[in-house]
Amino acid sequence: MEFFTIILEKSSSRQVLPDNFVKMLNGHRSQNMKLRQAGNGLRKLWDVEVVFNTDGSMYLDRGWKQFVRAYDLRHGYFLVFRYDGNATFAVKVFDTTMCRRRYQDDDDASMLCLFFLSIRLCLTPI
């Protein structure tokens, strides 16, 4: 399942998850989830506590703020969450330019760096 959210000022301390996602879990209330920035494989997983309000709303709580800081998520950023069914979300980050943000630990970003490095090495005179 995939869903999106937009970073709002109040969401920096915790992030509400859509009601349809909670329904999809069909009563399985995990107390912890893992987040990873999409594109970096499983190198960095962030542990995030899950809390429920009395009305049944589900939030990413403790650990969310650290994820926000680590990936410099700002007001207006658009996030796409993909749930893998194993208490793990891959998160794609789009900034206010409407383009996907690339991070140093992205697999595709590192491949691009290797590509440019190999071109530079090939063009270097011997």
PDB file of N, CA and C in Angstrom:
ATOM      1  N   MET A   1       0.841  -1.187   0.000  1.00  0.00           N
ATOM      2  CA  MET A   1       0.000   0.000   0.000  1.00  0.00           C
ATOM      3  C   MET A   1       0.879   1.241   0.000  1.00  0.00           C
ATOM      4  N   GLU A   2       0.453   2.236  -0.740  1.00  0.00           N
ATOM      5  CA  GLU A   2       1.153   3.521  -0.767  1.00  0.00           C
ATOM      6  C   GLU A   2       0.181   4.631  -0.400  1.00  0.00           C
ATOM      7  N   PHE A   3       0.718   5.653   0.239  1.00  0.00           N
ATOM      8  CA  PHE A   3      -0.051   6.856   0.519  1.00  0.00           C
ATOM      9  C   PHE A   3       0.920   8.015   0.591  1.00  0.00           C
ATOM     10  N   PHE A   4       0.379   9.227   0.548  1.00  0.00           N
ATOM     11  CA  PHE A   4       1.254  10.397   0.628  1.00  0.00           C
ATOM     12  C   PHE A   4       0.803  11.309   1.752  1.00  0.00           C
ATOM     13  N   THR A   5       1.698  12.173   2.150  1.00  0.00           N
ATOM     14  CA  THR A   5       1.399  13.214   3.117  1.00  0.00           C
ATOM     15  C   THR A   5       2.252  14.428   2.785  1.00  0.00           C
ATOM     16  N   ILE A   6       1.816  15.565   3.254  1.00  0.00           N
ATOM     17  CA  ILE A   6       2.576  16.799   3.077  1.00  0.00           C
ATOM     18  C   ILE A   6       3.033  17.254   4.452  1.00  0.00           C
ATOM     19  N   ILE A   7       4.298  17.596   4.569  1.00  0.00           N
ATOM     20  CA  ILE A   7       4.827  18.045   5.859  1.00  0.00           C
ATOM     21  C   ILE A   7       4.199  19.394   6.212  1.00  0.00           C
ATOM     22  N   LEU A   8       3.560  19.395   7.358  1.00  0.00           N
ATOM     23  CA  LEU A   8       3.007  20.630   7.911  1.00  0.00           C
ATOM     24  C   LEU A   8       3.791  20.946   9.175  1.00  0.00           C
ATOM     25  N   GLU A   9       3.752  22.159   9.607  1.00  0.00           N
ATOM     26  CA  GLU A   9       4.554  22.560  10.761  1.00  0.00           C
ATOM     27  C   GLU A   9       4.325  21.668  11.966  1.00  0.00           C
ATOM     28  N   LYS A  10       3.078  21.346  12.264  1.00  0.00           N
ATOM     29  CA  LYS A  10       2.799  20.550  13.449  1.00  0.00           C
ATOM     30  C   LYS A  10       3.181  19.081  13.292  1.00  0.00           C
ATOM     31  N   SER A  11       3.433  18.625  12.067  1.00  0.00           N
ATOM     32  CA  SER A  11       3.723  17.204  11.860  1.00  0.00           C
ATOM     33  C   SER A  11       5.190  16.865  12.096  1.00  0.00           C
ATOM     34  N   SER A  12       5.995  17.837  12.484  1.00  0.00           N
ATOM     35  CA  SER A  12       7.406  17.523  12.676  1.00  0.00           C
ATOM     36  C   SER A  12       7.653  16.691  13.930  1.00  0.00           C
ATOM     37  N   SER A  13       6.755  16.744  14.920  1.00  0.00           N
ATOM     38  CA  SER A  13       6.961  15.956  16.128  1.00  0.00           C
ATOM     39  C   SER A  13       6.337  14.564  16.019  1.00  0.00           C
ATOM     40  N   ARG A  14       5.246  14.441  15.269  1.00  0.00           N
ATOM     41  CA  ARG A  14       4.655  13.130  14.999  1.00  0.00           C
ATOM     42  C   ARG A  14       3.850  13.208  13.711  1.00  0.00           C
ATOM     43  N   GLN A  15       3.660  12.069  13.087  1.00  0.00           N
ATOM     44  CA  GLN A  15       3.015  12.033  11.774  1.00  0.00           C
ATOM     45  C   GLN A  15       1.795  11.122  11.826  1.00  0.00           C
ATOM     46  N   VAL A  16       0.624  11.667  11.499  1.00  0.00           N
ATOM     47  CA  VAL A  16      -0.588  10.860  11.454  1.00  0.00           C
ATOM     48  C   VAL A  16      -0.572   9.997  10.199  1.00  0.00           C
ATOM     49  N   LEU A  17      -1.092   8.780  10.318  1.00  0.00           N
ATOM     50  CA  LEU A  17      -1.203   7.868   9.186  1.00  0.00           C
ATOM     51  C   LEU A  17      -2.669   7.800   8.762  1.00  0.00           C
ATOM     52  N   PRO A  18      -2.938   7.610   7.476  1.00  0.00           N
ATOM     53  CA  PRO A  18      -4.318   7.635   6.978  1.00  0.00           C
ATOM     54  C   PRO A  18      -5.191   6.539   7.598  1.00  0.00           C
ATOM     55  N   ASP A  19      -6.465   6.871   7.796  1.00  0.00           N
ATOM     56  CA  ASP A  19      -7.415   5.906   8.361  1.00  0.00           C
ATOM     57  C   ASP A  19      -7.496   4.633   7.523  1.00  0.00           C
ATOM     58  N   ASN A  20      -7.444   4.755   6.189  1.00  0.00           N
ATOM     59  CA  ASN A  20      -7.511   3.560   5.332  1.00  0.00           C
ATOM     60  C   ASN A  20      -6.318   2.642   5.546  1.00  0.00           C
ATOM     61  N   PHE A  21      -5.163   3.216   5.847  1.00  0.00           N
ATOM     62  CA  PHE A  21      -3.996   2.382   6.150  1.00  0.00           C
ATOM     63  C   PHE A  21      -4.235   1.615   7.445  1.00  0.00           C
ATOM     64  N   VAL A  22      -4.768   2.292   8.455  1.00  0.00           N
ATOM     65  CA  VAL A  22      -5.061   1.646   9.742  1.00  0.00           C
ATOM     66  C   VAL A  22      -6.060   0.510   9.531  1.00  0.00           C
ATOM     67  N   LYS A  23      -7.079   0.733   8.700  1.00  0.00           N
ATOM     68  CA  LYS A  23      -8.071  -0.309   8.397  1.00  0.00           C
ATOM     69  C   LYS A  23      -7.417  -1.493   7.688  1.00  0.00           C
ATOM     70  N   MET A  24      -6.477  -1.201   6.786  1.00  0.00           N
ATOM     71  CA  MET A  24      -5.802  -2.261   6.046  1.00  0.00           C
ATOM     72  C   MET A  24      -5.034  -3.189   6.990  1.00  0.00           C
ATOM     73  N   LEU A  25      -4.534  -2.637   8.097  1.00  0.00           N
ATOM     74  CA  LEU A  25      -3.803  -3.457   9.063  1.00  0.00           C
ATOM     75  C   LEU A  25      -4.703  -4.474   9.745  1.00  0.00           C
ATOM     76  N   ASN A  26      -6.021  -4.276   9.627  1.00  0.00           N
ATOM     77  CA  ASN A  26      -7.007  -5.233  10.104  1.00  0.00           C
ATOM     78  C   ASN A  26      -6.792  -5.632  11.567  1.00  0.00           C
ATOM     79  N   GLY A  27      -6.595  -4.631  12.414  1.00  0.00           N
ATOM     80  CA  GLY A  27      -6.470  -4.900  13.852  1.00  0.00           C
ATOM     81  C   GLY A  27      -5.076  -5.233  14.334  1.00  0.00           C
ATOM     82  N   HIS A  28      -4.125  -5.424  13.422  1.00  0.00           N
ATOM     83  CA  HIS A  28      -2.742  -5.714  13.830  1.00  0.00           C
ATOM     84  C   HIS A  28      -2.080  -4.398  14.213  1.00  0.00           C
ATOM     85  N   ARG A  29      -1.951  -4.166  15.492  1.00  0.00           N
ATOM     86  CA  ARG A  29      -1.422  -2.891  15.976  1.00  0.00           C
ATOM     87  C   ARG A  29       0.035  -3.055  16.388  1.00  0.00           C
ATOM     88  N   SER A  30       0.901  -2.824  15.457  1.00  0.00           N
ATOM     89  CA  SER A  30       2.329  -2.871  15.756  1.00  0.00           C
ATOM     90  C   SER A  30       2.693  -1.679  16.635  1.00  0.00           C
ATOM     91  N   GLN A  31       3.582  -1.896  17.587  1.00  0.00           N
ATOM     92  CA  GLN A  31       4.003  -0.795  18.451  1.00  0.00           C
ATOM     93  C   GLN A  31       5.215  -0.071  17.894  1.00  0.00           C
ATOM     94  N   ASN A  32       5.862  -0.670  16.910  1.00  0.00           N
ATOM     95  CA  ASN A  32       7.031  -0.054  16.281  1.00  0.00           C
ATOM     96  C   ASN A  32       6.994  -0.301  14.785  1.00  0.00           C
ATOM     97  N   MET A  33       7.499   0.669  14.055  1.00  0.00           N
ATOM     98  CA  MET A  33       7.659   0.548  12.612  1.00  0.00           C
ATOM     99  C   MET A  33       9.093   0.949  12.286  1.00  0.00           C
ATOM    100  N   LYS A  34       9.511   0.604  11.099  1.00  0.00           N
ATOM    101  CA  LYS A  34      10.819   1.027  10.614  1.00  0.00           C
ATOM    102  C   LYS A  34      10.601   1.904   9.388  1.00  0.00           C
ATOM    103  N   LEU A  35      11.401   2.955   9.288  1.00  0.00           N
ATOM    104  CA  LEU A  35      11.364   3.832   8.132  1.00  0.00           C
ATOM    105  C   LEU A  35      12.709   3.761   7.436  1.00  0.00           C
ATOM    106  N   ARG A  36      12.681   3.868   6.129  1.00  0.00           N
ATOM    107  CA  ARG A  36      13.919   4.008   5.374  1.00  0.00           C
ATOM    108  C   ARG A  36      13.658   4.965   4.230  1.00  0.00           C
ATOM    109  N   GLN A  37      14.649   5.725   3.892  1.00  0.00           N
ATOM    110  CA  GLN A  37      14.547   6.634   2.765  1.00  0.00           C
ATOM    111  C   GLN A  37      14.633   5.772   1.510  1.00  0.00           C
ATOM    112  N   ALA A  38      13.626   5.847   0.646  1.00  0.00           N
ATOM    113  CA  ALA A  38      13.603   5.023  -0.562  1.00  0.00           C
ATOM    114  C   ALA A  38      14.837   5.315  -1.391  1.00  0.00           C
ATOM    115  N   GLY A  39      15.485   4.275  -1.859  1.00  0.00           N
ATOM    116  CA  GLY A  39      16.679   4.454  -2.675  1.00  0.00           C
ATOM    117  C   GLY A  39      17.955   4.099  -1.951  1.00  0.00           C
ATOM    118  N   ASN A  40      17.881   3.825  -0.645  1.00  0.00           N
ATOM    119  CA  ASN A  40      19.123   3.485   0.054  1.00  0.00           C
ATOM    120  C   ASN A  40      19.141   2.041   0.519  1.00  0.00           C
ATOM    121  N   GLY A  41      18.310   1.198  -0.060  1.00  0.00           N
ATOM    122  CA  GLY A  41      18.292  -0.211   0.315  1.00  0.00           C
ATOM    123  C   GLY A  41      17.918  -0.352   1.780  1.00  0.00           C
ATOM    124  N   LEU A  42      18.594  -1.233   2.459  1.00  0.00           N
ATOM    125  CA  LEU A  42      18.318  -1.442   3.883  1.00  0.00           C
ATOM    126  C   LEU A  42      19.461  -0.953   4.746  1.00  0.00           C
ATOM    127  N   ARG A  43      20.287  -0.049   4.194  1.00  0.00           N
ATOM    128  CA  ARG A  43      21.456   0.408   4.950  1.00  0.00           C
ATOM    129  C   ARG A  43      21.098   1.174   6.200  1.00  0.00           C
ATOM    130  N   LYS A  44      20.070   2.003   6.150  1.00  0.00           N
ATOM    131  CA  LYS A  44      19.713   2.807   7.311  1.00  0.00           C
ATOM    132  C   LYS A  44      18.230   2.663   7.580  1.00  0.00           C
ATOM    133  N   LEU A  45      17.898   1.996   8.684  1.00  0.00           N
ATOM    134  CA  LEU A  45      16.517   1.861   9.109  1.00  0.00           C
ATOM    135  C   LEU A  45      16.324   2.683  10.375  1.00  0.00           C
ATOM    136  N   TRP A  46      15.235   3.408  10.431  1.00  0.00           N
ATOM    137  CA  TRP A  46      14.916   4.251  11.578  1.00  0.00           C
ATOM    138  C   TRP A  46      13.781   3.604  12.366  1.00  0.00           C
ATOM    139  N   ASP A  47      14.009   3.344  13.634  1.00  0.00           N
ATOM    140  CA  ASP A  47      12.969   2.805  14.503  1.00  0.00           C
ATOM    141  C   ASP A  47      12.050   3.935  14.935  1.00  0.00           C
ATOM    142  N   VAL A  48      10.746   3.729  14.738  1.00  0.00           N
ATOM    143  CA  VAL A  48       9.762   4.745  15.085  1.00  0.00           C
ATOM    144  C   VAL A  48       8.642   4.067  15.884  1.00  0.00           C
ATOM    145  N   GLU A  49       8.308   4.676  17.008  1.00  0.00           N
ATOM    146  CA  GLU A  49       7.221   4.167  17.838  1.00  0.00           C
ATOM    147  C   GLU A  49       5.882   4.552  17.225  1.00  0.00           C
ATOM    148  N   VAL A  50       4.917   3.647  17.315  1.00  0.00           N
ATOM    149  CA  VAL A  50       3.569   3.885  16.820  1.00  0.00           C
ATOM    150  C   VAL A  50       2.646   4.064  18.019  1.00  0.00           C
ATOM    151  N   VAL A  51       1.829   5.114  17.983  1.00  0.00           N
ATOM    152  CA  VAL A  51       0.852   5.347  19.052  1.00  0.00           C
ATOM    153  C   VAL A  51      -0.535   5.490  18.439  1.00  0.00           C
ATOM    154  N   PHE A  52      -1.540   5.177  19.242  1.00  0.00           N
ATOM    155  CA  PHE A  52      -2.931   5.268  18.816  1.00  0.00           C
ATOM    156  C   PHE A  52      -3.674   6.200  19.767  1.00  0.00           C
ATOM    157  N   ASN A  53      -4.495   7.082  19.202  1.00  0.00           N
ATOM    158  CA  ASN A  53      -5.388   7.920  20.015  1.00  0.00           C
ATOM    159  C   ASN A  53      -6.618   7.100  20.390  1.00  0.00           C
ATOM    160  N   THR A  54      -7.396   7.637  21.291  1.00  0.00           N
ATOM    161  CA  THR A  54      -8.620   6.945  21.699  1.00  0.00           C
ATOM    162  C   THR A  54      -9.613   6.807  20.551  1.00  0.00           C
ATOM    163  N   ASP A  55      -9.536   7.688  19.560  1.00  0.00           N
ATOM    164  CA  ASP A  55     -10.443   7.596  18.405  1.00  0.00           C
ATOM    165  C   ASP A  55      -9.944   6.610  17.345  1.00  0.00           C
ATOM    166  N   GLY A  56      -8.794   5.975  17.598  1.00  0.00           N
ATOM    167  CA  GLY A  56      -8.249   4.989  16.669  1.00  0.00           C
ATOM    168  C   GLY A  56      -7.237   5.534  15.685  1.00  0.00           C
ATOM    169  N   SER A  57      -6.982   6.841  15.722  1.00  0.00           N
ATOM    170  CA  SER A  57      -5.972   7.421  14.819  1.00  0.00           C
ATOM    171  C   SER A  57      -4.593   6.882  15.172  1.00  0.00           C
ATOM    172  N   MET A  58      -3.795   6.634  14.137  1.00  0.00           N
ATOM    173  CA  MET A  58      -2.463   6.046  14.296  1.00  0.00           C
ATOM    174  C   MET A  58      -1.419   7.095  13.934  1.00  0.00           C
ATOM    175  N   TYR A  59      -0.379   7.187  14.762  1.00  0.00           N
ATOM    176  CA  TYR A  59       0.681   8.174  14.561  1.00  0.00           C
ATOM    177  C   TYR A  59       2.050   7.528  14.625  1.00  0.00           C
ATOM    178  N   LEU A  60       2.978   8.056  13.834  1.00  0.00           N
ATOM    179  CA  LEU A  60       4.393   7.772  14.025  1.00  0.00           C
ATOM    180  C   LEU A  60       4.865   8.791  15.041  1.00  0.00           C
ATOM    181  N   ASP A  61       5.426   8.325  16.141  1.00  0.00           N
ATOM    182  CA  ASP A  61       5.741   9.219  17.254  1.00  0.00           C
ATOM    183  C   ASP A  61       7.242   9.236  17.510  1.00  0.00           C
ATOM    184  N   ARG A  62       7.673   8.668  18.615  1.00  0.00           N
ATOM    185  CA  ARG A  62       9.088   8.732  18.982  1.00  0.00           C
ATOM    186  C   ARG A  62       9.951   8.127  17.868  1.00  0.00           C
ATOM    187  N   GLY A  63      10.916   8.871  17.404  1.00  0.00           N
ATOM    188  CA  GLY A  63      11.774   8.468  16.291  1.00  0.00           C
ATOM    189  C   GLY A  63      11.458   9.234  15.015  1.00  0.00           C
ATOM    190  N   TRP A  64      10.199   9.692  14.868  1.00  0.00           N
ATOM    191  CA  TRP A  64       9.811  10.456  13.677  1.00  0.00           C
ATOM    192  C   TRP A  64      10.599  11.754  13.583  1.00  0.00           C
ATOM    193  N   LYS A  65      10.738  12.434  14.706  1.00  0.00           N
ATOM    194  CA  LYS A  65      11.436  13.724  14.720  1.00  0.00           C
ATOM    195  C   LYS A  65      12.889  13.561  14.248  1.00  0.00           C
ATOM    196  N   GLN A  66      13.531  12.468  14.639  1.00  0.00           N
ATOM    197  CA  GLN A  66      14.913  12.204  14.217  1.00  0.00           C
ATOM    198  C   GLN A  66      14.980  11.941  12.712  1.00  0.00           C
ATOM    199  N   PHE A  67      13.981  11.222  12.182  1.00  0.00           N
ATOM    200  CA  PHE A  67      13.915  10.976  10.738  1.00  0.00           C
ATOM    201  C   PHE A  67      13.757  12.303   9.995  1.00  0.00           C
ATOM    202  N   VAL A  68      12.886  13.174  10.508  1.00  0.00           N
ATOM    203  CA  VAL A  68      12.659  14.490   9.905  1.00  0.00           C
ATOM    204  C   VAL A  68      13.951  15.293   9.870  1.00  0.00           C
ATOM    205  N   ARG A  69      14.678  15.279  10.977  1.00  0.00           N
ATOM    206  CA  ARG A  69      15.949  16.022  11.035  1.00  0.00           C
ATOM    207  C   ARG A  69      17.004  15.426  10.110  1.00  0.00           C
ATOM    208  N   ALA A  70      17.111  14.105  10.114  1.00  0.00           N
ATOM    209  CA  ALA A  70      18.153  13.438   9.326  1.00  0.00           C
ATOM    210  C   ALA A  70      18.005  13.714   7.831  1.00  0.00           C
ATOM    211  N   TYR A  71      16.769  13.812   7.354  1.00  0.00           N
ATOM    212  CA  TYR A  71      16.535  14.029   5.927  1.00  0.00           C
ATOM    213  C   TYR A  71      16.088  15.460   5.627  1.00  0.00           C
ATOM    214  N   ASP A  72      16.249  16.329   6.608  1.00  0.00           N
ATOM    215  CA  ASP A  72      15.992  17.759   6.446  1.00  0.00           C
ATOM    216  C   ASP A  72      14.615  18.008   5.819  1.00  0.00           C
ATOM    217  N   LEU A  73      13.598  17.328   6.369  1.00  0.00           N
ATOM    218  CA  LEU A  73      12.239  17.480   5.859  1.00  0.00           C
ATOM    219  C   LEU A  73      11.691  18.819   6.322  1.00  0.00           C
ATOM    220  N   ARG A  74      11.122  19.567   5.393  1.00  0.00           N
ATOM    221  CA  ARG A  74      10.658  20.927   5.680  1.00  0.00           C
ATOM    222  C   ARG A  74       9.194  21.102   5.313  1.00  0.00           C
ATOM    223  N   HIS A  75       8.657  22.199   5.805  1.00  0.00           N
ATOM    224  CA  HIS A  75       7.266  22.558   5.539  1.00  0.00           C
ATOM    225  C   HIS A  75       7.014  22.546   4.023  1.00  0.00           C
ATOM    226  N   GLY A  76       5.966  21.860   3.608  1.00  0.00           N
ATOM    227  CA  GLY A  76       5.608  21.804   2.196  1.00  0.00           C
ATOM    228  C   GLY A  76       6.185  20.616   1.445  1.00  0.00           C
ATOM    229  N   TYR A  77       7.110  19.860   2.061  1.00  0.00           N
ATOM    230  CA  TYR A  77       7.642  18.677   1.381  1.00  0.00           C
ATOM    231  C   TYR A  77       6.545  17.622   1.271  1.00  0.00           C
ATOM    232  N   PHE A  78       6.575  16.895   0.170  1.00  0.00           N
ATOM    233  CA  PHE A  78       5.593  15.872  -0.167  1.00  0.00           C
ATOM    234  C   PHE A  78       6.272  14.520   0.039  1.00  0.00           C
ATOM    235  N   LEU A  79       5.692  13.666   0.876  1.00  0.00           N
ATOM    236  CA  LEU A  79       6.284  12.357   1.159  1.00  0.00           C
ATOM    237  C   LEU A  79       5.369  11.253   0.648  1.00  0.00           C
ATOM    238  N   VAL A  80       5.955  10.263  -0.004  1.00  0.00           N
ATOM    239  CA  VAL A  80       5.213   9.084  -0.436  1.00  0.00           C
ATOM    240  C   VAL A  80       5.717   7.907   0.393  1.00  0.00           C
ATOM    241  N   PHE A  81       4.800   7.300   1.144  1.00  0.00           N
ATOM    242  CA  PHE A  81       5.110   6.146   1.982  1.00  0.00           C
ATOM    243  C   PHE A  81       4.676   4.884   1.251  1.00  0.00           C
ATOM    244  N   ARG A  82       5.552   3.893   1.217  1.00  0.00           N
ATOM    245  CA  ARG A  82       5.183   2.579   0.674  1.00  0.00           C
ATOM    246  C   ARG A  82       5.385   1.564   1.785  1.00  0.00           C
ATOM    247  N   TYR A  83       4.312   0.878   2.149  1.00  0.00           N
ATOM    248  CA  TYR A  83       4.348  -0.112   3.226  1.00  0.00           C
ATOM    249  C   TYR A  83       4.667  -1.466   2.634  1.00  0.00           C
ATOM    250  N   ASP A  84       5.662  -2.145   3.203  1.00  0.00           N
ATOM    251  CA  ASP A  84       6.065  -3.442   2.641  1.00  0.00           C
ATOM    252  C   ASP A  84       5.384  -4.632   3.304  1.00  0.00           C
ATOM    253  N   GLY A  85       4.501  -4.378   4.270  1.00  0.00           N
ATOM    254  CA  GLY A  85       3.792  -5.474   4.921  1.00  0.00           C
ATOM    255  C   GLY A  85       4.560  -6.087   6.064  1.00  0.00           C
ATOM    256  N   ASN A  86       5.752  -5.599   6.324  1.00  0.00           N
ATOM    257  CA  ASN A  86       6.587  -6.161   7.386  1.00  0.00           C
ATOM    258  C   ASN A  86       6.995  -5.061   8.363  1.00  0.00           C
ATOM    259  N   ALA A  87       6.060  -4.179   8.685  1.00  0.00           N
ATOM    260  CA  ALA A  87       6.284  -3.065   9.624  1.00  0.00           C
ATOM    261  C   ALA A  87       7.404  -2.130   9.160  1.00  0.00           C
ATOM    262  N   THR A  88       7.571  -2.000   7.843  1.00  0.00           N
ATOM    263  CA  THR A  88       8.597  -1.123   7.290  1.00  0.00           C
ATOM    264  C   THR A  88       8.000  -0.250   6.191  1.00  0.00           C
ATOM    265  N   PHE A  89       8.336   1.035   6.235  1.00  0.00           N
ATOM    266  CA  PHE A  89       7.952   1.983   5.199  1.00  0.00           C
ATOM    267  C   PHE A  89       9.182   2.439   4.434  1.00  0.00           C
ATOM    268  N   ALA A  90       9.090   2.474   3.112  1.00  0.00           N
ATOM    269  CA  ALA A  90      10.074   3.172   2.285  1.00  0.00           C
ATOM    270  C   ALA A  90       9.464   4.541   2.005  1.00  0.00           C
ATOM    271  N   VAL A  91      10.228   5.604   2.219  1.00  0.00           N
ATOM    272  CA  VAL A  91       9.712   6.957   2.101  1.00  0.00           C
ATOM    273  C   VAL A  91      10.435   7.699   0.983  1.00  0.00           C
ATOM    274  N   LYS A  92       9.676   8.173  -0.007  1.00  0.00           N
ATOM    275  CA  LYS A  92      10.222   9.031  -1.061  1.00  0.00           C
ATOM    276  C   LYS A  92       9.933  10.474  -0.672  1.00  0.00           C
ATOM    277  N   VAL A  93      10.929  11.327  -0.841  1.00  0.00           N
ATOM    278  CA  VAL A  93      10.806  12.725  -0.434  1.00  0.00           C
ATOM    279  C   VAL A  93      10.859  13.617  -1.669  1.00  0.00           C
ATOM    280  N   PHE A  94       9.852  14.493  -1.796  1.00  0.00           N
ATOM    281  CA  PHE A  94       9.802  15.487  -2.858  1.00  0.00           C
ATOM    282  C   PHE A  94       9.804  16.855  -2.193  1.00  0.00           C
ATOM    283  N   ASP A  95      10.660  17.746  -2.675  1.00  0.00           N
ATOM    284  CA  ASP A  95      10.750  19.071  -2.042  1.00  0.00           C
ATOM    285  C   ASP A  95       9.765  20.043  -2.688  1.00  0.00           C
ATOM    286  N   THR A  96       9.862  21.309  -2.347  1.00  0.00           N
ATOM    287  CA  THR A  96       8.900  22.303  -2.825  1.00  0.00           C
ATOM    288  C   THR A  96       9.064  22.633  -4.309  1.00  0.00           C
ATOM    289  N   THR A  97      10.120  22.131  -4.952  1.00  0.00           N
ATOM    290  CA  THR A  97      10.261  22.298  -6.405  1.00  0.00           C
ATOM    291  C   THR A  97       9.493  21.208  -7.147  1.00  0.00           C
ATOM    292  N   MET A  98       8.874  20.285  -6.401  1.00  0.00           N
ATOM    293  CA  MET A  98       8.125  19.142  -6.915  1.00  0.00           C
ATOM    294  C   MET A  98       9.032  18.071  -7.498  1.00  0.00           C
ATOM    295  N   CYS A  99      10.318  18.121  -7.163  1.00  0.00           N
ATOM    296  CA  CYS A  99      11.267  17.115  -7.619  1.00  0.00           C
ATOM    297  C   CYS A  99      11.685  16.240  -6.443  1.00  0.00           C
ATOM    298  N   ARG A 100      11.982  14.990  -6.768  1.00  0.00           N
ATOM    299  CA  ARG A 100      12.422  14.071  -5.721  1.00  0.00           C
ATOM    300  C   ARG A 100      13.786  14.487  -5.209  1.00  0.00           C
ATOM    301  N   ARG A 101      13.920  14.495  -3.907  1.00  0.00           N
ATOM    302  CA  ARG A 101      15.213  14.827  -3.285  1.00  0.00           C
ATOM    303  C   ARG A 101      16.130  13.632  -3.381  1.00  0.00           C
ATOM    304  N   ARG A 102      17.366  13.900  -3.656  1.00  0.00           N
ATOM    305  CA  ARG A 102      18.388  12.859  -3.692  1.00  0.00           C
ATOM    306  C   ARG A 102      19.301  13.065  -2.499  1.00  0.00           C
ATOM    307  N   TYR A 103      19.688  11.963  -1.902  1.00  0.00           N
ATOM    308  CA  TYR A 103      20.544  12.008  -0.721  1.00  0.00           C
ATOM    309  C   TYR A 103      21.829  11.253  -1.017  1.00  0.00           C
ATOM    310  N   GLN A 104      22.820  11.546  -0.231  1.00  0.00           N
ATOM    311  CA  GLN A 104      24.139  10.957  -0.446  1.00  0.00           C
ATOM    312  C   GLN A 104      24.108   9.437  -0.387  1.00  0.00           C
ATOM    313  N   ASP A 105      23.208   8.878   0.431  1.00  0.00           N
ATOM    314  CA  ASP A 105      23.173   7.423   0.574  1.00  0.00           C
ATOM    315  C   ASP A 105      22.227   6.728  -0.406  1.00  0.00           C
ATOM    316  N   ASP A 106      21.695   7.456  -1.397  1.00  0.00           N
ATOM    317  CA  ASP A 106      20.849   6.832  -2.416  1.00  0.00           C
ATOM    318  C   ASP A 106      21.668   5.882  -3.265  1.00  0.00           C
ATOM    319  N   ASP A 107      21.097   4.707  -3.562  1.00  0.00           N
ATOM    320  CA  ASP A 107      21.772   3.771  -4.453  1.00  0.00           C
ATOM    321  C   ASP A 107      21.963   4.384  -5.834  1.00  0.00           C
ATOM    322  N   ASP A 108      20.903   4.987  -6.375  1.00  0.00           N
ATOM    323  CA  ASP A 108      21.005   5.559  -7.712  1.00  0.00           C
ATOM    324  C   ASP A 108      21.894   6.794  -7.722  1.00  0.00           C
ATOM    325  N   ALA A 109      21.924   7.546  -6.620  1.00  0.00           N
ATOM    326  CA  ALA A 109      22.819   8.707  -6.552  1.00  0.00           C
ATOM    327  C   ALA A 109      24.269   8.254  -6.524  1.00  0.00           C
ATOM    328  N   SER A 110      24.547   7.164  -5.799  1.00  0.00           N
ATOM    329  CA  SER A 110      25.930   6.697  -5.736  1.00  0.00           C
ATOM    330  C   SER A 110      26.359   6.128  -7.083  1.00  0.00           C
ATOM    331  N   MET A 111      25.439   5.503  -7.820  1.00  0.00           N
ATOM    332  CA  MET A 111      25.779   5.000  -9.148  1.00  0.00           C
ATOM    333  C   MET A 111      26.106   6.161 -10.085  1.00  0.00           C
ATOM    334  N   LEU A 112      25.368   7.256  -9.955  1.00  0.00           N
ATOM    335  CA  LEU A 112      25.628   8.432 -10.768  1.00  0.00           C
ATOM    336  C   LEU A 112      27.016   8.983 -10.462  1.00  0.00           C
ATOM    337  N   CYS A 113      27.369   9.018  -9.185  1.00  0.00           N
ATOM    338  CA  CYS A 113      28.704   9.485  -8.801  1.00  0.00           C
ATOM    339  C   CYS A 113      29.780   8.592  -9.400  1.00  0.00           C
ATOM    340  N   LEU A 114      29.578   7.280  -9.355  1.00  0.00           N
ATOM    341  CA  LEU A 114      30.557   6.356  -9.934  1.00  0.00           C
ATOM    342  C   LEU A 114      30.677   6.571 -11.434  1.00  0.00           C
ATOM    343  N   PHE A 115      29.554   6.826 -12.103  1.00  0.00           N
ATOM    344  CA  PHE A 115      29.559   7.079 -13.532  1.00  0.00           C
ATOM    345  C   PHE A 115      30.413   8.300 -13.865  1.00  0.00           C
ATOM    346  N   PHE A 116      30.189   9.415 -13.158  1.00  0.00           N
ATOM    347  CA  PHE A 116      30.951  10.624 -13.432  1.00  0.00           C
ATOM    348  C   PHE A 116      32.418  10.461 -13.056  1.00  0.00           C
ATOM    349  N   LEU A 117      32.685   9.706 -11.998  1.00  0.00           N
ATOM    350  CA  LEU A 117      34.067   9.447 -11.616  1.00  0.00           C
ATOM    351  C   LEU A 117      34.774   8.637 -12.702  1.00  0.00           C
ATOM    352  N   SER A 118      34.088   7.636 -13.265  1.00  0.00           N
ATOM    353  CA  SER A 118      34.715   6.826 -14.306  1.00  0.00           C
ATOM    354  C   SER A 118      34.974   7.655 -15.566  1.00  0.00           C
ATOM    355  N   ILE A 119      34.071   8.574 -15.903  1.00  0.00           N
ATOM    356  CA  ILE A 119      34.292   9.455 -17.062  1.00  0.00           C
ATOM    357  C   ILE A 119      35.519  10.325 -16.811  1.00  0.00           C
ATOM    358  N   ARG A 120      35.617  10.876 -15.613  1.00  0.00           N
ATOM    359  CA  ARG A 120      36.756  11.739 -15.287  1.00  0.00           C
ATOM    360  C   ARG A 120      38.064  10.952 -15.377  1.00  0.00           C
ATOM    361  N   LEU A 121      38.043   9.722 -14.885  1.00  0.00           N
ATOM    362  CA  LEU A 121      39.257   8.904 -14.937  1.00  0.00           C
ATOM    363  C   LEU A 121      39.637   8.575 -16.388  1.00  0.00           C
ATOM    364  N   CYS A 122      38.629   8.334 -17.226  1.00  0.00           N
ATOM    365  CA  CYS A 122      38.902   8.014 -18.631  1.00  0.00           C
ATOM    366  C   CYS A 122      39.435   9.212 -19.385  1.00  0.00           C
ATOM    367  N   LEU A 123      39.032  10.409 -18.991  1.00  0.00           N
ATOM    368  CA  LEU A 123      39.455  11.602 -19.695  1.00  0.00           C
ATOM    369  C   LEU A 123      40.782  12.169 -19.161  1.00  0.00           C
ATOM    370  N   THR A 124      41.265  11.614 -18.063  1.00  0.00           N
ATOM    371  CA  THR A 124      42.513  12.088 -17.485  1.00  0.00           C
ATOM    372  C   THR A 124      43.690  11.594 -18.337  1.00  0.00           C
ATOM    373  N   PRO A 125      44.549  12.517 -18.804  1.00  0.00           N
ATOM    374  CA  PRO A 125      45.696  12.084 -19.611  1.00  0.00           C
ATOM    375  C   PRO A 125      46.686  11.257 -18.777  1.00  0.00           C
ATOM    376  N   ILE A 126      47.276  10.316 -19.429  1.00  0.00           N
ATOM    377  CA  ILE A 126      48.268   9.458 -18.747  1.00  0.00           C
ATOM    378  C   ILE A 126      49.662  10.029 -18.917  1.00  0.00           C
TER     379      ILE A 126
END
